[in-house]
Amino acid sequence: ADVLTLQVTGADLPTDERNLVYRAAQAYLR
């Protein structure tokens, strides 16, 4: 995609830098 986005189903979790998946993707892209 053009930008990094995260959607979560099945749990009420943050979808920004507070989420480890988001941070992992951000770290790799950088």
PDB file of all heavy atoms in Angstrom:
ATOM      1  N   ALA A   1       0.848  -1.194   0.000  1.00  0.00           N
ATOM      2  CA  ALA A   1       0.000   0.000   0.000  1.00  0.00           C
ATOM      3  C   ALA A   1       0.883   1.244   0.000  1.00  0.00           C
ATOM      4  O   ALA A   1       2.114   1.152   0.129  1.00  0.00           O
ATOM      5  CB  ALA A   1      -0.913  -0.007   1.223  1.00  0.00           C
ATOM      6  N   ASP A   2       0.252   2.395  -0.134  1.00  0.00           N
ATOM      7  CA  ASP A   2       1.011   3.643  -0.163  1.00  0.00           C
ATOM      8  C   ASP A   2       1.565   4.003   1.211  1.00  0.00           C
ATOM      9  O   ASP A   2       2.640   4.597   1.328  1.00  0.00           O
ATOM     10  CB  ASP A   2       0.130   4.789  -0.674  1.00  0.00           C
ATOM     11  CG  ASP A   2      -0.227   4.622  -2.145  1.00  0.00           C
ATOM     12  OD1 ASP A   2       0.548   3.970  -2.875  1.00  0.00           O
ATOM     13  OD2 ASP A   2      -1.293   5.129  -2.547  1.00  0.00           O
ATOM     14  N   VAL A   3       0.804   3.658   2.257  1.00  0.00           N
ATOM     15  CA  VAL A   3       1.221   3.985   3.623  1.00  0.00           C
ATOM     16  C   VAL A   3       1.029   2.755   4.510  1.00  0.00           C
ATOM     17  O   VAL A   3       0.367   1.792   4.133  1.00  0.00           O
ATOM     18  CB  VAL A   3       0.415   5.179   4.197  1.00  0.00           C
ATOM     19  CG1 VAL A   3       0.705   6.449   3.412  1.00  0.00           C
ATOM     20  CG2 VAL A   3      -1.064   4.864   4.210  1.00  0.00           C
ATOM     21  N   LEU A   4       1.591   2.828   5.699  1.00  0.00           N
ATOM     22  CA  LEU A   4       1.451   1.747   6.676  1.00  0.00           C
ATOM     23  C   LEU A   4       0.153   1.920   7.452  1.00  0.00           C
ATOM     24  O   LEU A   4      -0.079   2.971   8.066  1.00  0.00           O
ATOM     25  CB  LEU A   4       2.640   1.758   7.643  1.00  0.00           C
ATOM     26  CG  LEU A   4       2.539   0.880   8.898  1.00  0.00           C
ATOM     27  CD1 LEU A   4       2.355  -0.588   8.522  1.00  0.00           C
ATOM     28  CD2 LEU A   4       3.782   1.070   9.771  1.00  0.00           C
ATOM     29  N   THR A   5      -0.696   0.901   7.400  1.00  0.00           N
ATOM     30  CA  THR A   5      -1.909   0.889   8.218  1.00  0.00           C
ATOM     31  C   THR A   5      -2.089  -0.488   8.834  1.00  0.00           C
ATOM     32  O   THR A   5      -1.634  -1.499   8.285  1.00  0.00           O
ATOM     33  CB  THR A   5      -3.177   1.233   7.405  1.00  0.00           C
ATOM     34  OG1 THR A   5      -3.337   0.263   6.357  1.00  0.00           O
ATOM     35  CG2 THR A   5      -3.092   2.627   6.829  1.00  0.00           C
ATOM     36  N   LEU A   6      -2.746  -0.531   9.986  1.00  0.00           N
ATOM     37  CA  LEU A   6      -3.017  -1.784  10.694  1.00  0.00           C
ATOM     38  C   LEU A   6      -4.474  -1.818  11.118  1.00  0.00           C
ATOM     39  O   LEU A   6      -4.991  -0.843  11.681  1.00  0.00           O
ATOM     40  CB  LEU A   6      -2.112  -1.899  11.927  1.00  0.00           C
ATOM     41  CG  LEU A   6      -2.402  -3.059  12.886  1.00  0.00           C
ATOM     42  CD1 LEU A   6      -2.197  -4.408  12.206  1.00  0.00           C
ATOM     43  CD2 LEU A   6      -1.529  -2.945  14.141  1.00  0.00           C
ATOM     44  N   GLN A   7      -5.120  -2.937  10.853  1.00  0.00           N
ATOM     45  CA  GLN A   7      -6.472  -3.201  11.329  1.00  0.00           C
ATOM     46  C   GLN A   7      -6.424  -4.474  12.173  1.00  0.00           C
ATOM     47  O   GLN A   7      -5.699  -5.419  11.837  1.00  0.00           O
ATOM     48  CB  GLN A   7      -7.437  -3.391  10.154  1.00  0.00           C
ATOM     49  CG  GLN A   7      -8.866  -3.710  10.561  1.00  0.00           C
ATOM     50  CD  GLN A   7      -9.775  -3.958   9.361  1.00  0.00           C
ATOM     51  OE1 GLN A   7      -9.343  -3.870   8.214  1.00  0.00           O
ATOM     52  NE2 GLN A   7     -11.024  -4.291   9.629  1.00  0.00           N
ATOM     53  N   VAL A   8      -7.177  -4.501  13.256  1.00  0.00           N
ATOM     54  CA  VAL A   8      -7.204  -5.666  14.144  1.00  0.00           C
ATOM     55  C   VAL A   8      -8.631  -6.160  14.292  1.00  0.00           C
ATOM     56  O   VAL A   8      -9.551  -5.371  14.547  1.00  0.00           O
ATOM     57  CB  VAL A   8      -6.631  -5.335  15.541  1.00  0.00           C
ATOM     58  CG1 VAL A   8      -6.675  -6.569  16.446  1.00  0.00           C
ATOM     59  CG2 VAL A   8      -5.199  -4.814  15.429  1.00  0.00           C
ATOM     60  N   THR A   9      -8.819  -7.464  14.120  1.00  0.00           N
ATOM     61  CA  THR A   9     -10.102  -8.093  14.412  1.00  0.00           C
ATOM     62  C   THR A   9      -9.906  -9.101  15.539  1.00  0.00           C
ATOM     63  O   THR A   9      -8.821  -9.654  15.702  1.00  0.00           O
ATOM     64  CB  THR A   9     -10.686  -8.811  13.180  1.00  0.00           C
ATOM     65  OG1 THR A   9      -9.855  -9.940  12.849  1.00  0.00           O
ATOM     66  CG2 THR A   9     -10.758  -7.879  11.985  1.00  0.00           C
ATOM     67  N   GLY A  10     -10.938  -9.324  16.322  1.00  0.00           N
ATOM     68  CA  GLY A  10     -10.885 -10.334  17.368  1.00  0.00           C
ATOM     69  C   GLY A  10     -10.396  -9.853  18.709  1.00  0.00           C
ATOM     70  O   GLY A  10     -10.402 -10.606  19.689  1.00  0.00           O
ATOM     71  N   ALA A  11      -9.944  -8.622  18.784  1.00  0.00           N
ATOM     72  CA  ALA A  11      -9.472  -8.060  20.062  1.00  0.00           C
ATOM     73  C   ALA A  11      -9.452  -6.546  19.952  1.00  0.00           C
ATOM     74  O   ALA A  11      -9.298  -5.986  18.857  1.00  0.00           O
ATOM     75  CB  ALA A  11      -8.074  -8.577  20.410  1.00  0.00           C
ATOM     76  N   ASP A  12      -9.598  -5.900  21.088  1.00  0.00           N
ATOM     77  CA  ASP A  12      -9.565  -4.435  21.144  1.00  0.00           C
ATOM     78  C   ASP A  12      -8.131  -4.000  21.407  1.00  0.00           C
ATOM     79  O   ASP A  12      -7.705  -3.829  22.547  1.00  0.00           O
ATOM     80  CB  ASP A  12     -10.498  -3.937  22.244  1.00  0.00           C
ATOM     81  CG  ASP A  12     -10.568  -2.409  22.295  1.00  0.00           C
ATOM     82  OD1 ASP A  12     -10.159  -1.777  21.305  1.00  0.00           O
ATOM     83  OD2 ASP A  12     -11.015  -1.875  23.324  1.00  0.00           O
ATOM     84  N   LEU A  13      -7.382  -3.843  20.327  1.00  0.00           N
ATOM     85  CA  LEU A  13      -5.970  -3.485  20.418  1.00  0.00           C
ATOM     86  C   LEU A  13      -5.713  -2.196  19.650  1.00  0.00           C
ATOM     87  O   LEU A  13      -6.390  -1.908  18.660  1.00  0.00           O
ATOM     88  CB  LEU A  13      -5.094  -4.607  19.826  1.00  0.00           C
ATOM     89  CG  LEU A  13      -5.024  -5.915  20.605  1.00  0.00           C
ATOM     90  CD1 LEU A  13      -4.287  -6.968  19.785  1.00  0.00           C
ATOM     91  CD2 LEU A  13      -4.335  -5.697  21.945  1.00  0.00           C
ATOM     92  N   PRO A  14      -4.710  -1.429  20.069  1.00  0.00           N
ATOM     93  CA  PRO A  14      -4.358  -0.217  19.324  1.00  0.00           C
ATOM     94  C   PRO A  14      -3.826  -0.577  17.936  1.00  0.00           C
ATOM     95  O   PRO A  14      -3.328  -1.685  17.709  1.00  0.00           O
ATOM     96  CB  PRO A  14      -3.278   0.438  20.183  1.00  0.00           C
ATOM     97  CG  PRO A  14      -2.723  -0.666  21.017  1.00  0.00           C
ATOM     98  CD  PRO A  14      -3.851  -1.614  21.265  1.00  0.00           C
ATOM     99  N   THR A  15      -3.917   0.355  17.021  1.00  0.00           N
ATOM    100  CA  THR A  15      -3.483   0.101  15.641  1.00  0.00           C
ATOM    101  C   THR A  15      -2.397   1.087  15.211  1.00  0.00           C
ATOM    102  O   THR A  15      -2.222   1.350  14.029  1.00  0.00           O
ATOM    103  CB  THR A  15      -4.686   0.182  14.681  1.00  0.00           C
ATOM    104  OG1 THR A  15      -5.321   1.462  14.828  1.00  0.00           O
ATOM    105  CG2 THR A  15      -5.697  -0.915  14.989  1.00  0.00           C
ATOM    106  N   ASP A  16      -1.670   1.624  16.192  1.00  0.00           N
ATOM    107  CA  ASP A  16      -0.592   2.567  15.908  1.00  0.00           C
ATOM    108  C   ASP A  16       0.703   2.080  16.561  1.00  0.00           C
ATOM    109  O   ASP A  16       0.874   0.877  16.765  1.00  0.00           O
ATOM    110  CB  ASP A  16      -0.971   3.970  16.382  1.00  0.00           C
ATOM    111  CG  ASP A  16      -1.383   3.987  17.865  1.00  0.00           C
ATOM    112  OD1 ASP A  16      -1.059   3.031  18.605  1.00  0.00           O
ATOM    113  OD2 ASP A  16      -2.037   4.972  18.282  1.00  0.00           O
ATOM    114  N   GLU A  17       1.595   2.987  16.891  1.00  0.00           N
ATOM    115  CA  GLU A  17       2.905   2.611  17.444  1.00  0.00           C
ATOM    116  C   GLU A  17       2.818   1.845  18.762  1.00  0.00           C
ATOM    117  O   GLU A  17       3.809   1.242  19.199  1.00  0.00           O
ATOM    118  CB  GLU A  17       3.768   3.871  17.653  1.00  0.00           C
ATOM    119  CG  GLU A  17       4.297   4.504  16.374  1.00  0.00           C
ATOM    120  CD  GLU A  17       3.317   5.513  15.793  1.00  0.00           C
ATOM    121  OE1 GLU A  17       2.158   5.571  16.266  1.00  0.00           O
ATOM    122  OE2 GLU A  17       3.714   6.254  14.864  1.00  0.00           O
ATOM    123  N   ARG A  18       1.667   1.831  19.386  1.00  0.00           N
ATOM    124  CA  ARG A  18       1.497   1.046  20.614  1.00  0.00           C
ATOM    125  C   ARG A  18       1.358  -0.448  20.334  1.00  0.00           C
ATOM    126  O   ARG A  18       1.423  -1.260  21.246  1.00  0.00           O
ATOM    127  CB  ARG A  18       0.275   1.547  21.393  1.00  0.00           C
ATOM    128  CG  ARG A  18       0.413   2.971  21.928  1.00  0.00           C
ATOM    129  CD  ARG A  18      -0.919   3.482  22.445  1.00  0.00           C
ATOM    130  NE  ARG A  18      -1.886   3.635  21.369  1.00  0.00           N
ATOM    131  CZ  ARG A  18      -3.180   3.853  21.538  1.00  0.00           C
ATOM    132  NH1 ARG A  18      -3.678   3.925  22.768  1.00  0.00           N
ATOM    133  NH2 ARG A  18      -3.988   3.997  20.490  1.00  0.00           N
ATOM    134  N   ASN A  19       1.184  -0.798  19.077  1.00  0.00           N
ATOM    135  CA  ASN A  19       1.025  -2.195  18.684  1.00  0.00           C
ATOM    136  C   ASN A  19       2.348  -2.711  18.120  1.00  0.00           C
ATOM    137  O   ASN A  19       2.966  -2.087  17.266  1.00  0.00           O
ATOM    138  CB  ASN A  19      -0.085  -2.305  17.634  1.00  0.00           C
ATOM    139  CG  ASN A  19      -0.478  -3.746  17.353  1.00  0.00           C
ATOM    140  OD1 ASN A  19       0.341  -4.541  16.916  1.00  0.00           O
ATOM    141  ND2 ASN A  19      -1.734  -4.067  17.602  1.00  0.00           N
ATOM    142  N   LEU A  20       2.764  -3.887  18.586  1.00  0.00           N
ATOM    143  CA  LEU A  20       4.061  -4.446  18.185  1.00  0.00           C
ATOM    144  C   LEU A  20       4.109  -4.781  16.696  1.00  0.00           C
ATOM    145  O   LEU A  20       5.170  -4.680  16.066  1.00  0.00           O
ATOM    146  CB  LEU A  20       4.365  -5.693  19.023  1.00  0.00           C
ATOM    147  CG  LEU A  20       5.814  -6.168  19.089  1.00  0.00           C
ATOM    148  CD1 LEU A  20       6.740  -5.060  19.584  1.00  0.00           C
ATOM    149  CD2 LEU A  20       5.925  -7.395  20.001  1.00  0.00           C
ATOM    150  N   VAL A  21       2.993  -5.159  16.123  1.00  0.00           N
ATOM    151  CA  VAL A  21       2.945  -5.419  14.680  1.00  0.00           C
ATOM    152  C   VAL A  21       3.241  -4.139  13.909  1.00  0.00           C
ATOM    153  O   VAL A  21       4.040  -4.130  12.955  1.00  0.00           O
ATOM    154  CB  VAL A  21       1.569  -6.003  14.277  1.00  0.00           C
ATOM    155  CG1 VAL A  21       1.394  -5.973  12.760  1.00  0.00           C
ATOM    156  CG2 VAL A  21       1.418  -7.421  14.808  1.00  0.00           C
ATOM    157  N   TYR A  22       2.608  -3.061  14.301  1.00  0.00           N
ATOM    158  CA  TYR A  22       2.843  -1.767  13.650  1.00  0.00           C
ATOM    159  C   TYR A  22       4.314  -1.375  13.788  1.00  0.00           C
ATOM    160  O   TYR A  22       4.948  -0.939  12.809  1.00  0.00           O
ATOM    161  CB  TYR A  22       1.942  -0.711  14.278  1.00  0.00           C
ATOM    162  CG  TYR A  22       1.928   0.609  13.544  1.00  0.00           C
ATOM    163  CD1 TYR A  22       0.889   0.924  12.673  1.00  0.00           C
ATOM    164  CD2 TYR A  22       2.951   1.555  13.719  1.00  0.00           C
ATOM    165  CE1 TYR A  22       0.852   2.144  12.001  1.00  0.00           C
ATOM    166  CE2 TYR A  22       2.930   2.760  13.052  1.00  0.00           C
ATOM    167  CZ  TYR A  22       1.885   3.054  12.190  1.00  0.00           C
ATOM    168  OH  TYR A  22       1.864   4.254  11.519  1.00  0.00           O
ATOM    169  N   ARG A  23       4.877  -1.532  14.993  1.00  0.00           N
ATOM    170  CA  ARG A  23       6.274  -1.139  15.208  1.00  0.00           C
ATOM    171  C   ARG A  23       7.223  -2.015  14.393  1.00  0.00           C
ATOM    172  O   ARG A  23       8.246  -1.542  13.889  1.00  0.00           O
ATOM    173  CB  ARG A  23       6.635  -1.225  16.692  1.00  0.00           C
ATOM    174  CG  ARG A  23       5.911  -0.205  17.548  1.00  0.00           C
ATOM    175  CD  ARG A  23       6.666   0.144  18.819  1.00  0.00           C
ATOM    176  NE  ARG A  23       6.954  -1.004  19.665  1.00  0.00           N
ATOM    177  CZ  ARG A  23       6.109  -1.491  20.560  1.00  0.00           C
ATOM    178  NH1 ARG A  23       4.895  -0.973  20.697  1.00  0.00           N
ATOM    179  NH2 ARG A  23       6.452  -2.508  21.319  1.00  0.00           N
ATOM    180  N   ALA A  24       6.899  -3.302  14.256  1.00  0.00           N
ATOM    181  CA  ALA A  24       7.744  -4.192  13.457  1.00  0.00           C
ATOM    182  C   ALA A  24       7.738  -3.767  11.995  1.00  0.00           C
ATOM    183  O   ALA A  24       8.791  -3.694  11.345  1.00  0.00           O
ATOM    184  CB  ALA A  24       7.264  -5.635  13.602  1.00  0.00           C
ATOM    185  N   ALA A  25       6.554  -3.479  11.467  1.00  0.00           N
ATOM    186  CA  ALA A  25       6.462  -3.043  10.074  1.00  0.00           C
ATOM    187  C   ALA A  25       7.178  -1.720   9.872  1.00  0.00           C
ATOM    188  O   ALA A  25       7.927  -1.536   8.901  1.00  0.00           O
ATOM    189  CB  ALA A  25       4.993  -2.926   9.677  1.00  0.00           C
ATOM    190  N   GLN A  26       6.979  -0.814  10.794  1.00  0.00           N
ATOM    191  CA  GLN A  26       7.622   0.498  10.718  1.00  0.00           C
ATOM    192  C   GLN A  26       9.143   0.347  10.741  1.00  0.00           C
ATOM    193  O   GLN A  26       9.863   1.004   9.961  1.00  0.00           O
ATOM    194  CB  GLN A  26       7.142   1.344  11.888  1.00  0.00           C
ATOM    195  CG  GLN A  26       7.528   2.800  11.843  1.00  0.00           C
ATOM    196  CD  GLN A  26       6.909   3.553  13.009  1.00  0.00           C
ATOM    197  OE1 GLN A  26       7.145   3.204  14.174  1.00  0.00           O
ATOM    198  NE2 GLN A  26       6.108   4.569  12.721  1.00  0.00           N
ATOM    199  N   ALA A  27       9.642  -0.525  11.612  1.00  0.00           N
ATOM    200  CA  ALA A  27      11.084  -0.732  11.733  1.00  0.00           C
ATOM    201  C   ALA A  27      11.668  -1.298  10.443  1.00  0.00           C
ATOM    202  O   ALA A  27      12.739  -0.865   9.984  1.00  0.00           O
ATOM    203  CB  ALA A  27      11.382  -1.658  12.906  1.00  0.00           C
ATOM    204  N   TYR A  28      10.976  -2.254   9.845  1.00  0.00           N
ATOM    205  CA  TYR A  28      11.500  -2.844   8.598  1.00  0.00           C
ATOM    206  C   TYR A  28      11.480  -1.826   7.464  1.00  0.00           C
ATOM    207  O   TYR A  28      12.466  -1.681   6.724  1.00  0.00           O
ATOM    208  CB  TYR A  28      10.700  -4.085   8.191  1.00  0.00           C
ATOM    209  CG  TYR A  28      11.282  -4.719   6.946  1.00  0.00           C
ATOM    210  CD1 TYR A  28      12.314  -5.651   7.043  1.00  0.00           C
ATOM    211  CD2 TYR A  28      10.859  -4.341   5.672  1.00  0.00           C
ATOM    212  CE1 TYR A  28      12.885  -6.198   5.895  1.00  0.00           C
ATOM    213  CE2 TYR A  28      11.422  -4.879   4.524  1.00  0.00           C
ATOM    214  CZ  TYR A  28      12.437  -5.808   4.648  1.00  0.00           C
ATOM    215  OH  TYR A  28      13.022  -6.336   3.527  1.00  0.00           O
ATOM    216  N   LEU A  29      10.377  -1.127   7.313  1.00  0.00           N
ATOM    217  CA  LEU A  29      10.272  -0.160   6.215  1.00  0.00           C
ATOM    218  C   LEU A  29      11.349   0.916   6.315  1.00  0.00           C
ATOM    219  O   LEU A  29      11.947   1.309   5.310  1.00  0.00           O
ATOM    220  CB  LEU A  29       8.880   0.484   6.220  1.00  0.00           C
ATOM    221  CG  LEU A  29       7.707  -0.456   5.879  1.00  0.00           C
ATOM    222  CD1 LEU A  29       6.378   0.231   6.173  1.00  0.00           C
ATOM    223  CD2 LEU A  29       7.778  -0.912   4.429  1.00  0.00           C
ATOM    224  N   ARG A  30      11.606   1.375   7.543  1.00  0.00           N
ATOM    225  CA  ARG A  30      12.646   2.382   7.736  1.00  0.00           C
ATOM    226  C   ARG A  30      14.029   1.817   7.448  1.00  0.00           C
ATOM    227  O   ARG A  30      14.837   2.449   6.754  1.00  0.00           O
ATOM    228  CB  ARG A  30      12.582   2.923   9.170  1.00  0.00           C
ATOM    229  CG  ARG A  30      11.411   3.864   9.413  1.00  0.00           C
ATOM    230  CD  ARG A  30      11.336   4.276  10.878  1.00  0.00           C
ATOM    231  NE  ARG A  30      10.285   5.261  11.122  1.00  0.00           N
ATOM    232  CZ  ARG A  30       9.893   5.659  12.316  1.00  0.00           C
ATOM    233  NH1 ARG A  30      10.474   5.157  13.412  1.00  0.00           N
ATOM    234  NH2 ARG A  30       8.937   6.555  12.450  1.00  0.00           N
TER     235      ARG A  30
END
